[in-house]
Amino acid sequence: SAPCRALDIGTGTGLLSLMLAQQCRVMTDAIEIDRDACEQAMENVAHS
């Protein structure tokens, strides 16, 4: 579908942002308060 902008609050592993990206051209800001989880989400996104 047409691009849009999304906000993922408490992304954790990045799961929801990744599932959404697979289906839509959505630009997502994924926010995570825990540093370890955030760094893991960054790695998951980088390897996707």
All heavy atoms as atom14 arrays in JSON, in Angstrom:
{
  "sequence": "SAPCRALDIGTGTGLLSLMLAQQCRVMTDAIEIDRDACEQAMENVAHS",
  "atom14_mask": [
    [1, 1, 1, 1, 1, 1, 0, 0, 0, 0, 0, 0, 0, 0],
    [1, 1, 1, 1, 1, 0, 0, 0, 0, 0, 0, 0, 0, 0],
    [1, 1, 1, 1, 1, 1, 1, 0, 0, 0, 0, 0, 0, 0],
    [1, 1, 1, 1, 1, 1, 0, 0, 0, 0, 0, 0, 0, 0],
    [1, 1, 1, 1, 1, 1, 1, 1, 1, 1, 1, 0, 0, 0],
    [1, 1, 1, 1, 1, 0, 0, 0, 0, 0, 0, 0, 0, 0],
    [1, 1, 1, 1, 1, 1, 1, 1, 0, 0, 0, 0, 0, 0],
    [1, 1, 1, 1, 1, 1, 1, 1, 0, 0, 0, 0, 0, 0],
    [1, 1, 1, 1, 1, 1, 1, 1, 0, 0, 0, 0, 0, 0],
    [1, 1, 1, 1, 0, 0, 0, 0, 0, 0, 0, 0, 0, 0],
    [1, 1, 1, 1, 1, 1, 1, 0, 0, 0, 0, 0, 0, 0],
    [1, 1, 1, 1, 0, 0, 0, 0, 0, 0, 0, 0, 0, 0],
    [1, 1, 1, 1, 1, 1, 1, 0, 0, 0, 0, 0, 0, 0],
    [1, 1, 1, 1, 0, 0, 0, 0, 0, 0, 0, 0, 0, 0],
    [1, 1, 1, 1, 1, 1, 1, 1, 0, 0, 0, 0, 0, 0],
    [1, 1, 1, 1, 1, 1, 1, 1, 0, 0, 0, 0, 0, 0],
    [1, 1, 1, 1, 1, 1, 0, 0, 0, 0, 0, 0, 0, 0],
    [1, 1, 1, 1, 1, 1, 1, 1, 0, 0, 0, 0, 0, 0],
    [1, 1, 1, 1, 1, 1, 1, 1, 0, 0, 0, 0, 0, 0],
    [1, 1, 1, 1, 1, 1, 1, 1, 0, 0, 0, 0, 0, 0],
    [1, 1, 1, 1, 1, 0, 0, 0, 0, 0, 0, 0, 0, 0],
    [1, 1, 1, 1, 1, 1, 1, 1, 1, 0, 0, 0, 0, 0],
    [1, 1, 1, 1, 1, 1, 1, 1, 1, 0, 0, 0, 0, 0],
    [1, 1, 1, 1, 1, 1, 0, 0, 0, 0, 0, 0, 0, 0],
    [1, 1, 1, 1, 1, 1, 1, 1, 1, 1, 1, 0, 0, 0],
    [1, 1, 1, 1, 1, 1, 1, 0, 0, 0, 0, 0, 0, 0],
    [1, 1, 1, 1, 1, 1, 1, 1, 0, 0, 0, 0, 0, 0],
    [1, 1, 1, 1, 1, 1, 1, 0, 0, 0, 0, 0, 0, 0],
    [1, 1, 1, 1, 1, 1, 1, 1, 0, 0, 0, 0, 0, 0],
    [1, 1, 1, 1, 1, 0, 0, 0, 0, 0, 0, 0, 0, 0],
    [1, 1, 1, 1, 1, 1, 1, 1, 0, 0, 0, 0, 0, 0],
    [1, 1, 1, 1, 1, 1, 1, 1, 1, 0, 0, 0, 0, 0],
    [1, 1, 1, 1, 1, 1, 1, 1, 0, 0, 0, 0, 0, 0],
    [1, 1, 1, 1, 1, 1, 1, 1, 0, 0, 0, 0, 0, 0],
    [1, 1, 1, 1, 1, 1, 1, 1, 1, 1, 1, 0, 0, 0],
    [1, 1, 1, 1, 1, 1, 1, 1, 0, 0, 0, 0, 0, 0],
    [1, 1, 1, 1, 1, 0, 0, 0, 0, 0, 0, 0, 0, 0],
    [1, 1, 1, 1, 1, 1, 0, 0, 0, 0, 0, 0, 0, 0],
    [1, 1, 1, 1, 1, 1, 1, 1, 1, 0, 0, 0, 0, 0],
    [1, 1, 1, 1, 1, 1, 1, 1, 1, 0, 0, 0, 0, 0],
    [1, 1, 1, 1, 1, 0, 0, 0, 0, 0, 0, 0, 0, 0],
    [1, 1, 1, 1, 1, 1, 1, 1, 0, 0, 0, 0, 0, 0],
    [1, 1, 1, 1, 1, 1, 1, 1, 1, 0, 0, 0, 0, 0],
    [1, 1, 1, 1, 1, 1, 1, 1, 0, 0, 0, 0, 0, 0],
    [1, 1, 1, 1, 1, 1, 1, 0, 0, 0, 0, 0, 0, 0],
    [1, 1, 1, 1, 1, 0, 0, 0, 0, 0, 0, 0, 0, 0],
    [1, 1, 1, 1, 1, 1, 1, 1, 1, 1, 0, 0, 0, 0],
    [1, 1, 1, 1, 1, 1, 0, 0, 0, 0, 0, 0, 0, 0]
  ],
  "atom14_positions": [
    [[0.84, -1.19, 0.0], [0.0, 0.0, 0.0], [0.87, 1.25, 0.0], [2.09, 1.19, 0.09], [-0.9, -0.01, 1.25], [-0.11, -0.01, 2.4], [0.0, 0.0, 0.0], [0.0, 0.0, 0.0], [0.0, 0.0, 0.0], [0.0, 0.0, 0.0], [0.0, 0.0, 0.0], [0.0, 0.0, 0.0], [0.0, 0.0, 0.0], [0.0, 0.0, 0.0]],
    [[0.23, 2.4, -0.08], [0.96, 3.67, -0.11], [1.75, 3.85, 1.18], [1.35, 3.39, 2.24], [-0.04, 4.81, -0.28], [0.0, 0.0, 0.0], [0.0, 0.0, 0.0], [0.0, 0.0, 0.0], [0.0, 0.0, 0.0], [0.0, 0.0, 0.0], [0.0, 0.0, 0.0], [0.0, 0.0, 0.0], [0.0, 0.0, 0.0], [0.0, 0.0, 0.0]],
    [[2.9, 4.53, 1.09], [3.74, 4.72, 2.28], [3.02, 5.52, 3.37], [2.18, 6.36, 3.09], [4.94, 5.51, 1.74], [4.94, 5.29, 0.27], [3.49, 5.11, -0.1], [0.0, 0.0, 0.0], [0.0, 0.0, 0.0], [0.0, 0.0, 0.0], [0.0, 0.0, 0.0], [0.0, 0.0, 0.0], [0.0, 0.0, 0.0], [0.0, 0.0, 0.0]],
    [[3.37, 5.23, 4.61], [2.89, 6.03, 5.73], [3.92, 5.93, 6.85], [4.91, 5.2, 6.74], [1.51, 5.58, 6.2], [1.46, 3.94, 6.93], [0.0, 0.0, 0.0], [0.0, 0.0, 0.0], [0.0, 0.0, 0.0], [0.0, 0.0, 0.0], [0.0, 0.0, 0.0], [0.0, 0.0, 0.0], [0.0, 0.0, 0.0], [0.0, 0.0, 0.0]],
    [[3.73, 6.68, 7.91], [4.67, 6.71, 9.02], [4.02, 6.08, 10.25], [2.88, 6.4, 10.58], [5.09, 8.15, 9.32], [6.15, 8.26, 10.41], [6.73, 9.65, 10.46], [7.51, 9.94, 9.29], [8.78, 9.55, 9.1], [9.38, 8.84, 10.03], [9.42, 9.86, 8.01], [0.0, 0.0, 0.0], [0.0, 0.0, 0.0], [0.0, 0.0, 0.0]],
    [[4.78, 5.18, 10.9], [4.25, 4.46, 12.06], [5.14, 4.69, 13.28], [6.34, 4.91, 13.16], [4.15, 2.97, 11.76], [0.0, 0.0, 0.0], [0.0, 0.0, 0.0], [0.0, 0.0, 0.0], [0.0, 0.0, 0.0], [0.0, 0.0, 0.0], [0.0, 0.0, 0.0], [0.0, 0.0, 0.0], [0.0, 0.0, 0.0], [0.0, 0.0, 0.0]],
    [[4.53, 4.58, 14.46], [5.23, 4.64, 15.74], [4.96, 3.35, 16.48], [3.8, 3.0, 16.75], [4.73, 5.84, 16.55], [5.3, 5.99, 17.97], [6.8, 6.25, 17.93], [4.58, 7.13, 18.71], [0.0, 0.0, 0.0], [0.0, 0.0, 0.0], [0.0, 0.0, 0.0], [0.0, 0.0, 0.0], [0.0, 0.0, 0.0], [0.0, 0.0, 0.0]],
    [[6.03, 2.61, 16.81], [5.93, 1.36, 17.56], [6.42, 1.64, 18.97], [7.61, 1.83, 19.2], [6.8, 0.3, 16.86], [6.76, -1.06, 17.55], [6.07, -1.19, 18.57], [7.43, -1.98, 17.04], [0.0, 0.0, 0.0], [0.0, 0.0, 0.0], [0.0, 0.0, 0.0], [0.0, 0.0, 0.0], [0.0, 0.0, 0.0], [0.0, 0.0, 0.0]],
    [[5.5, 1.66, 19.93], [5.82, 2.01, 21.32], [6.18, 0.75, 22.1], [5.34, -0.13, 22.28], [4.64, 2.73, 21.98], [4.31, 4.02, 21.22], [4.95, 3.04, 23.44], [3.09, 4.76, 21.75], [0.0, 0.0, 0.0], [0.0, 0.0, 0.0], [0.0, 0.0, 0.0], [0.0, 0.0, 0.0], [0.0, 0.0, 0.0], [0.0, 0.0, 0.0]],
    [[7.43, 0.67, 22.57], [7.9, -0.51, 23.29], [8.15, -1.65, 22.34], [7.58, -2.73, 22.5], [0.0, 0.0, 0.0], [0.0, 0.0, 0.0], [0.0, 0.0, 0.0], [0.0, 0.0, 0.0], [0.0, 0.0, 0.0], [0.0, 0.0, 0.0], [0.0, 0.0, 0.0], [0.0, 0.0, 0.0], [0.0, 0.0, 0.0], [0.0, 0.0, 0.0]],
    [[9.05, -1.45, 21.39], [9.21, -2.41, 20.3], [9.79, -3.75, 20.72], [9.59, -4.76, 20.05], [10.07, -1.79, 19.17], [9.94, -2.59, 17.98], [11.53, -1.68, 19.58], [0.0, 0.0, 0.0], [0.0, 0.0, 0.0], [0.0, 0.0, 0.0], [0.0, 0.0, 0.0], [0.0, 0.0, 0.0], [0.0, 0.0, 0.0], [0.0, 0.0, 0.0]],
    [[10.53, -3.8, 21.86], [11.11, -5.07, 22.29], [12.09, -5.61, 21.26], [13.08, -4.96, 20.93], [0.0, 0.0, 0.0], [0.0, 0.0, 0.0], [0.0, 0.0, 0.0], [0.0, 0.0, 0.0], [0.0, 0.0, 0.0], [0.0, 0.0, 0.0], [0.0, 0.0, 0.0], [0.0, 0.0, 0.0], [0.0, 0.0, 0.0], [0.0, 0.0, 0.0]],
    [[11.83, -6.78, 20.72], [12.69, -7.4, 19.71], [12.58, -6.72, 18.35], [13.39, -7.0, 17.46], [12.32, -8.88, 19.51], [10.97, -8.96, 19.06], [12.49, -9.67, 20.8], [0.0, 0.0, 0.0], [0.0, 0.0, 0.0], [0.0, 0.0, 0.0], [0.0, 0.0, 0.0], [0.0, 0.0, 0.0], [0.0, 0.0, 0.0], [0.0, 0.0, 0.0]],
    [[11.58, -5.86, 18.18], [11.31, -5.27, 16.87], [10.3, -6.06, 16.06], [10.05, -5.76, 14.89], [0.0, 0.0, 0.0], [0.0, 0.0, 0.0], [0.0, 0.0, 0.0], [0.0, 0.0, 0.0], [0.0, 0.0, 0.0], [0.0, 0.0, 0.0], [0.0, 0.0, 0.0], [0.0, 0.0, 0.0], [0.0, 0.0, 0.0], [0.0, 0.0, 0.0]],
    [[9.68, -7.07, 16.68], [8.79, -7.99, 15.97], [7.7, -7.29, 15.18], [7.54, -7.54, 13.98], [8.16, -8.96, 16.98], [7.09, -9.89, 16.4], [7.7, -10.9, 15.46], [6.32, -10.59, 17.52], [0.0, 0.0, 0.0], [0.0, 0.0, 0.0], [0.0, 0.0, 0.0], [0.0, 0.0, 0.0], [0.0, 0.0, 0.0], [0.0, 0.0, 0.0]],
    [[6.92, -6.43, 15.82], [5.78, -5.81, 15.13], [6.24, -4.94, 13.97], [5.64, -4.95, 12.89], [4.94, -4.99, 16.12], [4.3, -5.75, 17.27], [3.47, -4.79, 18.12], [3.43, -6.89, 16.77], [0.0, 0.0, 0.0], [0.0, 0.0, 0.0], [0.0, 0.0, 0.0], [0.0, 0.0, 0.0], [0.0, 0.0, 0.0], [0.0, 0.0, 0.0]],
    [[7.3, -4.18, 14.18], [7.82, -3.32, 13.11], [8.28, -4.14, 11.92], [8.07, -3.76, 10.76], [8.97, -2.46, 13.63], [8.52, -1.51, 14.57], [0.0, 0.0, 0.0], [0.0, 0.0, 0.0], [0.0, 0.0, 0.0], [0.0, 0.0, 0.0], [0.0, 0.0, 0.0], [0.0, 0.0, 0.0], [0.0, 0.0, 0.0], [0.0, 0.0, 0.0]],
    [[8.91, -5.28, 12.2], [9.39, -6.15, 11.12], [8.23, -6.8, 10.37], [8.24, -6.88, 9.14], [10.33, -7.21, 11.69], [11.69, -6.7, 12.15], [12.37, -7.72, 13.05], [12.57, -6.38, 10.95], [0.0, 0.0, 0.0], [0.0, 0.0, 0.0], [0.0, 0.0, 0.0], [0.0, 0.0, 0.0], [0.0, 0.0, 0.0], [0.0, 0.0, 0.0]],
    [[7.22, -7.25, 11.1], [6.06, -7.86, 10.45], [5.34, -6.84, 9.58], [4.89, -7.16, 8.46], [5.1, -8.43, 11.5], [5.69, -9.6, 12.28], [4.52, -10.37, 13.44], [3.53, -11.35, 12.28], [0.0, 0.0, 0.0], [0.0, 0.0, 0.0], [0.0, 0.0, 0.0], [0.0, 0.0, 0.0], [0.0, 0.0, 0.0], [0.0, 0.0, 0.0]],
    [[5.24, -5.61, 10.06], [4.6, -4.57, 9.27], [5.42, -4.22, 8.04], [4.88, -4.05, 6.94], [4.39, -3.33, 10.14], [3.63, -2.15, 9.53], [2.26, -2.57, 9.04], [3.52, -1.01, 10.53], [0.0, 0.0, 0.0], [0.0, 0.0, 0.0], [0.0, 0.0, 0.0], [0.0, 0.0, 0.0], [0.0, 0.0, 0.0], [0.0, 0.0, 0.0]],
    [[6.74, -4.14, 8.21], [7.61, -3.8, 7.08], [7.55, -4.86, 5.98], [7.68, -4.53, 4.79], [9.05, -3.64, 7.56], [0.0, 0.0, 0.0], [0.0, 0.0, 0.0], [0.0, 0.0, 0.0], [0.0, 0.0, 0.0], [0.0, 0.0, 0.0], [0.0, 0.0, 0.0], [0.0, 0.0, 0.0], [0.0, 0.0, 0.0], [0.0, 0.0, 0.0]],
    [[7.33, -6.11, 6.34], [7.25, -7.16, 5.33], [6.09, -6.94, 4.38], [6.17, -7.26, 3.2], [7.11, -8.54, 5.99], [6.97, -9.67, 4.98], [6.9, -11.03, 5.6], [7.65, -11.35, 6.53], [5.99, -11.88, 5.12], [0.0, 0.0, 0.0], [0.0, 0.0, 0.0], [0.0, 0.0, 0.0], [0.0, 0.0, 0.0], [0.0, 0.0, 0.0]],
    [[5.01, -6.36, 4.88], [3.8, -6.22, 4.07], [3.58, -4.83, 3.5], [2.87, -4.68, 2.51], [2.58, -6.59, 4.92], [2.61, -8.01, 5.48], [2.47, -9.07, 4.42], [3.26, -9.13, 3.48], [1.45, -9.9, 4.55], [0.0, 0.0, 0.0], [0.0, 0.0, 0.0], [0.0, 0.0, 0.0], [0.0, 0.0, 0.0], [0.0, 0.0, 0.0]],
    [[4.15, -3.8, 4.13], [3.85, -2.42, 3.73], [5.12, -1.57, 3.64], [6.08, -1.8, 4.38], [2.92, -1.75, 4.75], [1.4, -2.6, 5.08], [0.0, 0.0, 0.0], [0.0, 0.0, 0.0], [0.0, 0.0, 0.0], [0.0, 0.0, 0.0], [0.0, 0.0, 0.0], [0.0, 0.0, 0.0], [0.0, 0.0, 0.0], [0.0, 0.0, 0.0]],
    [[5.08, -0.58, 2.8], [6.18, 0.39, 2.73], [5.98, 1.46, 3.79], [5.8, 2.64, 3.49], [6.24, 1.0, 1.34], [6.71, 0.05, 0.25], [6.72, 0.73, -1.08], [5.36, 1.13, -1.47], [5.08, 2.08, -2.35], [6.06, 2.78, -2.91], [3.83, 2.36, -2.67], [0.0, 0.0, 0.0], [0.0, 0.0, 0.0], [0.0, 0.0, 0.0]],
    [[6.01, 1.06, 5.04], [5.81, 1.96, 6.17], [7.16, 2.34, 6.76], [8.02, 1.49, 6.97], [4.94, 1.28, 7.25], [4.79, 2.17, 8.46], [3.58, 0.91, 6.69], [0.0, 0.0, 0.0], [0.0, 0.0, 0.0], [0.0, 0.0, 0.0], [0.0, 0.0, 0.0], [0.0, 0.0, 0.0], [0.0, 0.0, 0.0], [0.0, 0.0, 0.0]],
    [[7.35, 3.61, 7.04], [8.54, 4.09, 7.74], [8.2, 4.14, 9.22], [7.31, 4.89, 9.64], [8.94, 5.47, 7.22], [9.16, 5.53, 5.71], [10.47, 4.42, 5.14], [11.89, 5.19, 5.9], [0.0, 0.0, 0.0], [0.0, 0.0, 0.0], [0.0, 0.0, 0.0], [0.0, 0.0, 0.0], [0.0, 0.0, 0.0], [0.0, 0.0, 0.0]],
    [[8.9, 3.34, 10.01], [8.53, 3.16, 11.42], [9.62, 3.68, 12.35], [10.8, 3.39, 12.18], [8.29, 1.68, 11.72], [7.23, 1.19, 10.88], [7.89, 1.47, 13.18], [0.0, 0.0, 0.0], [0.0, 0.0, 0.0], [0.0, 0.0, 0.0], [0.0, 0.0, 0.0], [0.0, 0.0, 0.0], [0.0, 0.0, 0.0], [0.0, 0.0, 0.0]],
    [[9.19, 4.45, 13.37], [10.04, 4.78, 14.51], [9.68, 3.8, 15.61], [8.55, 3.78, 16.11], [9.79, 6.22, 14.98], [10.36, 7.25, 14.02], [11.3, 6.93, 13.28], [9.85, 8.4, 14.03], [0.0, 0.0, 0.0], [0.0, 0.0, 0.0], [0.0, 0.0, 0.0], [0.0, 0.0, 0.0], [0.0, 0.0, 0.0], [0.0, 0.0, 0.0]],
    [[10.65, 2.94, 15.98], [10.42, 1.9, 16.98], [11.15, 2.28, 18.26], [12.38, 2.32, 18.3], [10.91, 0.55, 16.45], [0.0, 0.0, 0.0], [0.0, 0.0, 0.0], [0.0, 0.0, 0.0], [0.0, 0.0, 0.0], [0.0, 0.0, 0.0], [0.0, 0.0, 0.0], [0.0, 0.0, 0.0], [0.0, 0.0, 0.0], [0.0, 0.0, 0.0]],
    [[10.41, 2.56, 19.33], [10.97, 3.08, 20.58], [11.06, 1.97, 21.61], [10.11, 1.21, 21.8], [10.1, 4.22, 21.14], [9.7, 5.21, 20.03], [10.81, 4.92, 22.29], [10.86, 5.85, 19.32], [0.0, 0.0, 0.0], [0.0, 0.0, 0.0], [0.0, 0.0, 0.0], [0.0, 0.0, 0.0], [0.0, 0.0, 0.0], [0.0, 0.0, 0.0]],
    [[12.21, 1.86, 22.29], [12.39, 0.85, 23.33], [13.21, 1.44, 24.47], [14.28, 2.0, 24.25], [13.1, -0.38, 22.75], [13.45, -1.43, 23.78], [12.25, -1.89, 24.6], [11.2, -2.22, 24.02], [12.36, -1.9, 25.85], [0.0, 0.0, 0.0], [0.0, 0.0, 0.0], [0.0, 0.0, 0.0], [0.0, 0.0, 0.0], [0.0, 0.0, 0.0]],
    [[12.71, 1.29, 25.71], [13.36, 1.89, 26.88], [14.52, 1.04, 27.41], [15.47, 1.58, 27.98], [12.32, 2.14, 27.99], [12.89, 3.07, 29.06], [11.82, 0.84, 28.6], [11.86, 3.58, 30.06], [0.0, 0.0, 0.0], [0.0, 0.0, 0.0], [0.0, 0.0, 0.0], [0.0, 0.0, 0.0], [0.0, 0.0, 0.0], [0.0, 0.0, 0.0]],
    [[14.46, -0.28, 27.24], [15.52, -1.15, 27.74], [16.67, -1.19, 26.74], [16.47, -1.52, 25.57], [14.97, -2.55, 27.97], [16.05, -3.51, 28.46], [16.42, -3.41, 29.64], [16.53, -4.31, 27.64], [0.0, 0.0, 0.0], [0.0, 0.0, 0.0], [0.0, 0.0, 0.0], [0.0, 0.0, 0.0], [0.0, 0.0, 0.0], [0.0, 0.0, 0.0]],
    [[17.88, -0.89, 27.2], [19.02, -0.78, 26.26], [19.33, -2.09, 25.58], [19.57, -2.13, 24.37], [20.26, -0.25, 26.99], [21.45, -0.05, 26.06], [22.6, 0.63, 26.74], [22.27, 2.01, 27.1], [22.32, 3.03, 26.24], [22.66, 2.82, 24.98], [22.01, 4.25, 26.64], [0.0, 0.0, 0.0], [0.0, 0.0, 0.0], [0.0, 0.0, 0.0]],
    [[19.36, -3.21, 26.33], [19.68, -4.49, 25.72], [18.66, -4.87, 24.65], [19.02, -5.32, 23.56], [19.75, -5.59, 26.79], [21.03, -5.53, 27.59], [22.0, -4.9, 27.13], [21.07, -6.12, 28.69], [0.0, 0.0, 0.0], [0.0, 0.0, 0.0], [0.0, 0.0, 0.0], [0.0, 0.0, 0.0], [0.0, 0.0, 0.0], [0.0, 0.0, 0.0]],
    [[17.39, -4.7, 24.98], [16.34, -5.02, 24.01], [16.45, -4.11, 22.79], [16.29, -4.56, 21.64], [14.96, -4.88, 24.65], [0.0, 0.0, 0.0], [0.0, 0.0, 0.0], [0.0, 0.0, 0.0], [0.0, 0.0, 0.0], [0.0, 0.0, 0.0], [0.0, 0.0, 0.0], [0.0, 0.0, 0.0], [0.0, 0.0, 0.0], [0.0, 0.0, 0.0]],
    [[16.74, -2.84, 23.03], [16.87, -1.89, 21.94], [18.01, -2.28, 21.0], [17.86, -2.28, 19.77], [17.1, -0.48, 22.48], [17.25, 0.78, 21.22], [0.0, 0.0, 0.0], [0.0, 0.0, 0.0], [0.0, 0.0, 0.0], [0.0, 0.0, 0.0], [0.0, 0.0, 0.0], [0.0, 0.0, 0.0], [0.0, 0.0, 0.0], [0.0, 0.0, 0.0]],
    [[19.15, -2.64, 21.58], [20.29, -3.03, 20.76], [19.99, -4.31, 19.98], [20.41, -4.46, 18.82], [21.52, -3.21, 21.63], [22.04, -1.87, 22.19], [23.21, -2.03, 23.14], [23.56, -3.2, 23.46], [23.76, -1.0, 23.58], [0.0, 0.0, 0.0], [0.0, 0.0, 0.0], [0.0, 0.0, 0.0], [0.0, 0.0, 0.0], [0.0, 0.0, 0.0]],
    [[19.25, -5.23, 20.61], [18.87, -6.45, 19.89], [17.9, -6.14, 18.76], [18.01, -6.71, 17.67], [18.23, -7.45, 20.86], [17.95, -8.8, 20.22], [18.54, -9.94, 21.01], [18.04, -10.25, 22.08], [19.58, -10.58, 20.5], [0.0, 0.0, 0.0], [0.0, 0.0, 0.0], [0.0, 0.0, 0.0], [0.0, 0.0, 0.0], [0.0, 0.0, 0.0]],
    [[16.95, -5.24, 19.01], [16.03, -4.83, 17.94], [16.79, -4.18, 16.79], [16.49, -4.43, 15.61], [14.98, -3.86, 18.49], [0.0, 0.0, 0.0], [0.0, 0.0, 0.0], [0.0, 0.0, 0.0], [0.0, 0.0, 0.0], [0.0, 0.0, 0.0], [0.0, 0.0, 0.0], [0.0, 0.0, 0.0], [0.0, 0.0, 0.0], [0.0, 0.0, 0.0]],
    [[17.79, -3.37, 17.11], [18.61, -2.75, 16.06], [19.3, -3.82, 15.21], [19.34, -3.71, 13.98], [19.66, -1.83, 16.7], [19.12, -0.56, 17.29], [20.44, 0.42, 18.08], [19.52, 1.86, 18.62], [0.0, 0.0, 0.0], [0.0, 0.0, 0.0], [0.0, 0.0, 0.0], [0.0, 0.0, 0.0], [0.0, 0.0, 0.0], [0.0, 0.0, 0.0]],
    [[19.82, -4.86, 15.88], [20.47, -5.94, 15.15], [19.47, -6.71, 14.29], [19.77, -7.05, 13.13], [21.16, -6.89, 16.14], [22.32, -6.24, 16.88], [22.78, -7.06, 18.07], [22.23, -8.18, 18.28], [23.69, -6.6, 18.8], [0.0, 0.0, 0.0], [0.0, 0.0, 0.0], [0.0, 0.0, 0.0], [0.0, 0.0, 0.0], [0.0, 0.0, 0.0]],
    [[18.29, -6.97, 14.83], [17.27, -7.68, 14.06], [16.85, -6.9, 12.83], [16.68, -7.47, 11.74], [16.05, -7.95, 14.95], [16.31, -9.01, 16.0], [17.15, -9.89, 15.81], [15.59, -8.94, 17.11], [0.0, 0.0, 0.0], [0.0, 0.0, 0.0], [0.0, 0.0, 0.0], [0.0, 0.0, 0.0], [0.0, 0.0, 0.0], [0.0, 0.0, 0.0]],
    [[16.71, -5.6, 12.98], [16.36, -4.75, 11.84], [17.49, -4.7, 10.83], [17.27, -4.81, 9.62], [15.99, -3.33, 12.33], [15.9, -2.36, 11.14], [14.68, -3.35, 13.11], [0.0, 0.0, 0.0], [0.0, 0.0, 0.0], [0.0, 0.0, 0.0], [0.0, 0.0, 0.0], [0.0, 0.0, 0.0], [0.0, 0.0, 0.0], [0.0, 0.0, 0.0]],
    [[18.72, -4.54, 11.32], [19.88, -4.44, 10.42], [20.05, -5.69, 9.57], [20.51, -5.6, 8.41], [21.14, -4.18, 11.24], [0.0, 0.0, 0.0], [0.0, 0.0, 0.0], [0.0, 0.0, 0.0], [0.0, 0.0, 0.0], [0.0, 0.0, 0.0], [0.0, 0.0, 0.0], [0.0, 0.0, 0.0], [0.0, 0.0, 0.0], [0.0, 0.0, 0.0]],
    [[19.68, -6.86, 10.11], [19.84, -8.11, 9.38], [18.58, -8.51, 8.61], [18.54, -9.58, 8.0], [20.23, -9.23, 10.34], [21.63, -9.09, 10.87], [21.91, -8.49, 12.08], [22.83, -9.44, 10.33], [23.23, -8.5, 12.28], [23.81, -9.06, 11.24], [0.0, 0.0, 0.0], [0.0, 0.0, 0.0], [0.0, 0.0, 0.0], [0.0, 0.0, 0.0]],
    [[17.58, -7.66, 8.62], [16.33, -7.92, 7.9], [16.41, -7.32, 6.5], [17.34, -6.58, 6.19], [15.15, -7.29, 8.66], [15.09, -5.89, 8.42], [0.0, 0.0, 0.0], [0.0, 0.0, 0.0], [0.0, 0.0, 0.0], [0.0, 0.0, 0.0], [0.0, 0.0, 0.0], [0.0, 0.0, 0.0], [0.0, 0.0, 0.0], [0.0, 0.0, 0.0]]
  ]
}
